[in-house]
Amino acid sequence: MAVEKFWKLAVYKTDRLLGGHEEGGWYYNAGERLKEGKIKFTDPKKAFRACRLFNKLFGNKWNSIEYGIECDVYYRGTPDSFPKHRPYYS
C-alpha cells in the first residue's frame, strides 16, 4: 500500500525569543500556528510557490520587539508550534 505524498501550508505567528545571555545574548525564532491550509499539494514546488506568494503579500518583517506572520510548508501535516525543543547554547 503506497503512502500518499502531500505538502500542506500553515500560517504562523512568529516571534524572536531570547535564548540566553552567552556571548552578548542570542535569539531564536519561534511560532504558533494560526491556521492550517485545507489544500493538499502533491507538487512541493506549487506548495512553496503559494507560500512565497502569501509571505510576499501578507508576511510581516519583524524585529526583536514585535511578532510577525509567516507561511511555512510541511510534509504530511503541520506542527502546532516550532521549534519542537527549545534550543540551548553549547
C-alpha atoms as a PDB file:
ATOM      1  CA  MET A   1       0.000   0.000   0.000  1.00  0.00           C
ATOM      2  CA  ALA A   2       1.537   3.298  -1.128  1.00  0.00           C
ATOM      3  CA  VAL A   3       1.668   6.210   1.274  1.00  0.00           C
ATOM      4  CA  GLU A   4       0.145   9.383  -0.152  1.00  0.00           C
ATOM      5  CA  LYS A   5       2.704  12.163  -0.581  1.00  0.00           C
ATOM      6  CA  PHE A   6       1.426  15.664   0.065  1.00  0.00           C
ATOM      7  CA  TRP A   7       2.541  19.013   1.437  1.00  0.00           C
ATOM      8  CA  LYS A   8       0.451  21.453   3.467  1.00  0.00           C
ATOM      9  CA  LEU A   9       0.725  25.137   4.252  1.00  0.00           C
ATOM     10  CA  ALA A  10       0.287  26.731   7.641  1.00  0.00           C
ATOM     11  CA  VAL A  11       0.313  30.333   8.807  1.00  0.00           C
ATOM     12  CA  TYR A  12       2.241  31.070  11.985  1.00  0.00           C
ATOM     13  CA  LYS A  13       2.509  33.978  14.370  1.00  0.00           C
ATOM     14  CA  THR A  14       6.285  34.266  14.751  1.00  0.00           C
ATOM     15  CA  ASP A  15       8.452  35.874  17.387  1.00  0.00           C
ATOM     16  CA  ARG A  16      12.117  36.208  18.339  1.00  0.00           C
ATOM     17  CA  LEU A  17      12.804  34.809  21.803  1.00  0.00           C
ATOM     18  CA  LEU A  18      15.862  35.327  23.966  1.00  0.00           C
ATOM     19  CA  GLY A  19      17.813  32.081  24.060  1.00  0.00           C
ATOM     20  CA  GLY A  20      20.419  33.163  26.589  1.00  0.00           C
ATOM     21  CA  HIS A  21      22.935  35.779  27.615  1.00  0.00           C
ATOM     22  CA  GLU A  22      26.032  33.869  26.453  1.00  0.00           C
ATOM     23  CA  GLU A  23      28.419  35.877  24.251  1.00  0.00           C
ATOM     24  CA  GLY A  24      26.290  39.026  24.326  1.00  0.00           C
ATOM     25  CA  GLY A  25      22.934  37.291  24.017  1.00  0.00           C
ATOM     26  CA  TRP A  26      21.358  35.196  21.296  1.00  0.00           C
ATOM     27  CA  TYR A  27      17.840  34.786  19.970  1.00  0.00           C
ATOM     28  CA  TYR A  28      15.873  32.112  18.158  1.00  0.00           C
ATOM     29  CA  ASN A  29      12.712  32.061  16.052  1.00  0.00           C
ATOM     30  CA  ALA A  30       9.538  30.559  17.467  1.00  0.00           C
ATOM     31  CA  GLY A  31       5.999  30.348  16.139  1.00  0.00           C
ATOM     32  CA  GLU A  32       2.444  29.304  16.958  1.00  0.00           C
ATOM     33  CA  ARG A  33       0.122  28.041  14.238  1.00  0.00           C
ATOM     34  CA  LEU A  34      -2.776  30.358  13.492  1.00  0.00           C
ATOM     35  CA  LYS A  35      -4.291  28.480  10.554  1.00  0.00           C
ATOM     36  CA  GLU A  36      -3.629  25.321   8.562  1.00  0.00           C
ATOM     37  CA  GLY A  37      -4.413  25.320   4.852  1.00  0.00           C
ATOM     38  CA  LYS A  38      -7.124  22.961   3.562  1.00  0.00           C
ATOM     39  CA  ILE A  39      -5.394  22.192   0.257  1.00  0.00           C
ATOM     40  CA  LYS A  40      -3.088  19.177  -0.023  1.00  0.00           C
ATOM     41  CA  PHE A  41      -0.362  19.935  -2.567  1.00  0.00           C
ATOM     42  CA  THR A  42       1.014  16.911  -4.405  1.00  0.00           C
ATOM     43  CA  ASP A  43       3.737  19.015  -6.033  1.00  0.00           C
ATOM     44  CA  PRO A  44       6.124  20.612  -3.500  1.00  0.00           C
ATOM     45  CA  LYS A  45       7.102  23.344  -5.992  1.00  0.00           C
ATOM     46  CA  LYS A  46       3.489  24.548  -6.111  1.00  0.00           C
ATOM     47  CA  ALA A  47       3.259  24.482  -2.308  1.00  0.00           C
ATOM     48  CA  PHE A  48       6.411  26.578  -1.921  1.00  0.00           C
ATOM     49  CA  ARG A  49       5.254  28.972  -4.650  1.00  0.00           C
ATOM     50  CA  ALA A  50       1.919  29.504  -2.857  1.00  0.00           C
ATOM     51  CA  CYS A  51       3.711  30.051   0.445  1.00  0.00           C
ATOM     52  CA  ARG A  52       6.136  32.582  -1.078  1.00  0.00           C
ATOM     53  CA  LEU A  53       3.207  34.480  -2.563  1.00  0.00           C
ATOM     54  CA  PHE A  54       1.441  34.563   0.825  1.00  0.00           C
ATOM     55  CA  ASN A  55       4.600  35.835   2.534  1.00  0.00           C
ATOM     56  CA  LYS A  56       5.085  38.478  -0.155  1.00  0.00           C
ATOM     57  CA  LEU A  57       1.508  39.738   0.194  1.00  0.00           C
ATOM     58  CA  PHE A  58       0.821  39.302   3.921  1.00  0.00           C
ATOM     59  CA  GLY A  59       4.039  38.412   5.731  1.00  0.00           C
ATOM     60  CA  ASN A  60       5.488  40.897   8.174  1.00  0.00           C
ATOM     61  CA  LYS A  61       9.146  41.648   8.618  1.00  0.00           C
ATOM     62  CA  TRP A  62       9.632  41.559  12.360  1.00  0.00           C
ATOM     63  CA  ASN A  63      12.260  42.804  14.717  1.00  0.00           C
ATOM     64  CA  SER A  64      13.171  41.876  18.275  1.00  0.00           C
ATOM     65  CA  ILE A  65      10.190  43.641  19.879  1.00  0.00           C
ATOM     66  CA  GLU A  66       7.221  42.642  17.723  1.00  0.00           C
ATOM     67  CA  TYR A  67       5.827  39.496  16.165  1.00  0.00           C
ATOM     68  CA  GLY A  68       5.274  38.664  12.534  1.00  0.00           C
ATOM     69  CA  ILE A  69       3.134  36.448  10.335  1.00  0.00           C
ATOM     70  CA  GLU A  70       4.641  33.854   8.004  1.00  0.00           C
ATOM     71  CA  CYS A  71       3.632  30.889   5.906  1.00  0.00           C
ATOM     72  CA  ASP A  72       5.595  27.616   6.042  1.00  0.00           C
ATOM     73  CA  VAL A  73       5.359  24.374   4.052  1.00  0.00           C
ATOM     74  CA  TYR A  74       5.328  20.964   5.769  1.00  0.00           C
ATOM     75  CA  TYR A  75       5.264  17.400   4.540  1.00  0.00           C
ATOM     76  CA  ARG A  76       2.132  15.487   5.648  1.00  0.00           C
ATOM     77  CA  GLY A  77       0.743  17.857   8.252  1.00  0.00           C
ATOM     78  CA  THR A  78       1.755  20.937  10.207  1.00  0.00           C
ATOM     79  CA  PRO A  79       3.002  21.286  13.810  1.00  0.00           C
ATOM     80  CA  ASP A  80       1.107  23.389  16.346  1.00  0.00           C
ATOM     81  CA  SER A  81       4.273  25.331  17.116  1.00  0.00           C
ATOM     82  CA  PHE A  82       8.008  25.447  16.458  1.00  0.00           C
ATOM     83  CA  PRO A  83      10.701  24.752  17.473  1.00  0.00           C
ATOM     84  CA  LYS A  84       9.778  21.385  18.964  1.00  0.00           C
ATOM     85  CA  HIS A  85      12.508  21.742  21.608  1.00  0.00           C
ATOM     86  CA  ARG A  86      13.935  24.968  22.989  1.00  0.00           C
ATOM     87  CA  PRO A  87      17.466  25.485  21.629  1.00  0.00           C
ATOM     88  CA  TYR A  88      20.362  25.763  24.025  1.00  0.00           C
ATOM     89  CA  TYR A  89      23.851  27.218  23.887  1.00  0.00           C
ATOM     90  CA  SER A  90      26.683  24.699  23.767  1.00  0.00           C
END
